[in-house]
C-alpha atoms as a PDB file:
ATOM      1  CA  MET A   1      -8.056 -15.948  -9.733  1.00  0.00           C
ATOM      2  CA  PHE A   2     -10.743 -13.680  -8.347  1.00  0.00           C
ATOM      3  CA  TYR A   3     -11.156 -12.237  -4.896  1.00  0.00           C
ATOM      4  CA  PHE A   4     -14.021 -11.298  -2.632  1.00  0.00           C
ATOM      5  CA  TYR A   5     -12.890  -8.515  -0.289  1.00  0.00           C
ATOM      6  CA  PHE A   6     -13.808  -6.216   2.557  1.00  0.00           C
ATOM      7  CA  PHE A   7     -12.610  -2.641   2.262  1.00  0.00           C
ATOM      8  CA  ARG A   8     -12.650  -0.684   5.527  1.00  0.00           C
ATOM      9  CA  CYS A   9     -13.278   2.987   4.862  1.00  0.00           C
ATOM     10  CA  LYS A  10     -11.652   5.711   6.925  1.00  0.00           C
ATOM     11  CA  ASP A  11     -14.968   6.290   8.717  1.00  0.00           C
ATOM     12  CA  GLY A  12     -15.038   2.615   9.808  1.00  0.00           C
ATOM     13  CA  SER A  13     -17.727   1.482   7.369  1.00  0.00           C
ATOM     14  CA  LEU A  14     -17.249  -1.696   5.346  1.00  0.00           C
ATOM     15  CA  TYR A  15     -17.539  -2.058   1.595  1.00  0.00           C
ATOM     16  CA  THR A  16     -17.703  -5.501  -0.014  1.00  0.00           C
ATOM     17  CA  GLY A  17     -16.576  -6.194  -3.534  1.00  0.00           C
ATOM     18  CA  CYS A  18     -14.900  -8.524  -6.018  1.00  0.00           C
ATOM     19  CA  THR A  19     -11.774  -8.027  -8.093  1.00  0.00           C
ATOM     20  CA  ASN A  20      -9.104  -9.910  -9.957  1.00  0.00           C
ATOM     21  CA  TYR A  21      -6.262  -7.854  -8.405  1.00  0.00           C
ATOM     22  CA  PRO A  22      -6.785  -6.481  -4.856  1.00  0.00           C
ATOM     23  CA  PRO A  23      -3.807  -4.059  -4.758  1.00  0.00           C
ATOM     24  CA  GLN A  24      -4.985  -2.261  -7.901  1.00  0.00           C
ATOM     25  CA  ARG A  25      -8.581  -2.193  -6.656  1.00  0.00           C
ATOM     26  CA  GLU A  26      -7.472  -0.625  -3.376  1.00  0.00           C
ATOM     27  CA  LEU A  27      -5.622   2.085  -5.324  1.00  0.00           C
ATOM     28  CA  ARG A  28      -8.734   2.768  -7.402  1.00  0.00           C
ATOM     29  CA  HIS A  29     -10.894   3.077  -4.284  1.00  0.00           C
ATOM     30  CA  ASN A  30      -8.423   5.500  -2.722  1.00  0.00           C
ATOM     31  CA  SER A  31      -8.035   7.590  -5.881  1.00  0.00           C
ATOM     32  CA  GLY A  32     -11.789   8.217  -6.008  1.00  0.00           C
ATOM     33  CA  LYS A  33     -12.211   6.099  -9.152  1.00  0.00           C
ATOM     34  CA  GLY A  34     -13.676   3.091  -7.346  1.00  0.00           C
ATOM     35  CA  ALA A  35     -17.174   2.639  -6.014  1.00  0.00           C
ATOM     36  CA  GLN A  36     -19.328   5.605  -5.064  1.00  0.00           C
ATOM     37  CA  TRP A  37     -19.549   4.245  -1.496  1.00  0.00           C
ATOM     38  CA  THR A  38     -15.788   4.376  -0.896  1.00  0.00           C
ATOM     39  CA  LYS A  39     -15.594   7.831  -2.467  1.00  0.00           C
ATOM     40  CA  GLN A  40     -18.241   9.111  -0.045  1.00  0.00           C
ATOM     41  CA  HIS A  41     -16.676   7.413   2.989  1.00  0.00           C
ATOM     42  CA  GLY A  42     -13.118   8.603   2.502  1.00  0.00           C
ATOM     43  CA  GLY A  43     -11.085   5.725   1.085  1.00  0.00           C
ATOM     44  CA  GLY A  44      -9.358   3.160   3.262  1.00  0.00           C
ATOM     45  CA  THR A  45      -7.798  -0.301   3.114  1.00  0.00           C
ATOM     46  CA  ILE A  46      -8.653  -3.826   2.010  1.00  0.00           C
ATOM     47  CA  VAL A  47      -8.734  -5.749   5.296  1.00  0.00           C
ATOM     48  CA  TYR A  48      -9.863  -9.205   4.191  1.00  0.00           C
ATOM     49  CA  THR A  49      -9.906 -11.357   1.061  1.00  0.00           C
ATOM     50  CA  GLU A  50     -11.076 -14.776  -0.081  1.00  0.00           C
ATOM     51  CA  THR A  51      -9.800 -16.378  -3.285  1.00  0.00           C
ATOM     52  CA  TYR A  52     -12.010 -18.012  -5.919  1.00  0.00           C
ATOM     53  CA  GLN A  53     -11.435 -19.616  -9.302  1.00  0.00           C
ATOM     54  CA  THR A  54     -14.160 -17.652 -11.077  1.00  0.00           C
ATOM     55  CA  LEU A  55     -15.773 -14.242 -10.843  1.00  0.00           C
ATOM     56  CA  ALA A  56     -19.162 -15.958 -10.511  1.00  0.00           C
ATOM     57  CA  GLU A  57     -18.005 -17.747  -7.340  1.00  0.00           C
ATOM     58  CA  ALA A  58     -16.630 -14.519  -5.842  1.00  0.00           C
ATOM     59  CA  ARG A  59     -19.852 -12.643  -6.662  1.00  0.00           C
ATOM     60  CA  LYS A  60     -21.945 -15.424  -5.121  1.00  0.00           C
ATOM     61  CA  ARG A  61     -19.962 -15.041  -1.898  1.00  0.00           C
ATOM     62  CA  GLU A  62     -20.317 -11.252  -2.021  1.00  0.00           C
ATOM     63  CA  ILE A  63     -24.105 -11.536  -2.336  1.00  0.00           C
ATOM     64  CA  GLN A  64     -24.195 -13.988   0.578  1.00  0.00           C
ATOM     65  CA  ILE A  65     -22.107 -11.787   2.869  1.00  0.00           C
ATOM     66  CA  LYS A  66     -23.919  -8.547   2.017  1.00  0.00           C
ATOM     67  CA  LYS A  67     -26.946 -10.015   3.802  1.00  0.00           C
ATOM     68  CA  TRP A  68     -24.989 -10.549   7.024  1.00  0.00           C
ATOM     69  CA  SER A  69     -25.062  -8.331  10.094  1.00  0.00           C
ATOM     70  CA  ARG A  70     -22.149  -5.998  10.795  1.00  0.00           C
ATOM     71  CA  ILE A  71     -21.120  -8.171  13.763  1.00  0.00           C
ATOM     72  CA  LYS A  72     -20.978 -11.314  11.640  1.00  0.00           C
ATOM     73  CA  LYS A  73     -18.858  -9.499   9.022  1.00  0.00           C
ATOM     74  CA  GLU A  74     -16.468  -8.193  11.694  1.00  0.00           C
ATOM     75  CA  ASN A  75     -16.145 -11.695  13.173  1.00  0.00           C
ATOM     76  CA  LEU A  76     -15.224 -13.094   9.776  1.00  0.00           C
ATOM     77  CA  ILE A  77     -12.556 -10.397   9.377  1.00  0.00           C
ATOM     78  CA  LYS A  78     -11.196 -11.222  12.849  1.00  0.00           C
ATOM     79  CA  GLY A  79     -11.195 -14.936  12.093  1.00  0.00           C
ATOM     80  CA  ILE A  80     -13.878 -15.790  14.633  1.00  0.00           C
ATOM     81  CA  LYS A  81     -15.923 -18.827  13.551  1.00  0.00           C
ATOM     82  CA  PRO A  82     -15.055 -18.759   9.847  1.00  0.00           C
ATOM     83  CA  LEU A  83     -17.459 -20.694   7.671  1.00  0.00           C
ATOM     84  CA  THR A  84     -16.444 -24.257   6.913  1.00  0.00           C
ATOM     85  CA  GLY A  85     -15.858 -25.041   3.288  1.00  0.00           C
ATOM     86  CA  THR A  86     -14.831 -21.482   2.428  1.00  0.00           C
ATOM     87  CA  PRO A  87     -11.651 -21.663   0.349  1.00  0.00           C
ATOM     88  CA  ASN A  88      -8.499 -19.679   0.912  1.00  0.00           C
ATOM     89  CA  LEU A  89      -9.523 -17.285   3.674  1.00  0.00           C
ATOM     90  CA  ARG A  90      -6.976 -14.532   4.121  1.00  0.00           C
ATOM     91  CA  HIS A  91      -7.123 -12.224   7.116  1.00  0.00           C
ATOM     92  CA  LEU A  92      -5.238  -8.981   6.609  1.00  0.00           C
ATOM     93  CA  VAL A  93      -5.843  -7.316   9.956  1.00  0.00           C
END
């Protein structure tokens, strides 16, 4: 299984990524060993995930969502108007 996720940094910014194990990825972001973005924005928490069978599917979703506005991303996190046909949405906030 692979996951697309939103990571909310301590400054409120959102980072999008993919991983095969969200808890470990969150630890890496918070230890400063994750992405440069999360290191610069102070760590934080994974607030949303979607599950996919392959890394390619998760990356495709990540690319799609990176083009979205901040409001649309926040609505997805809150569960407002989730996209139909999106498998295994998991809201963590």
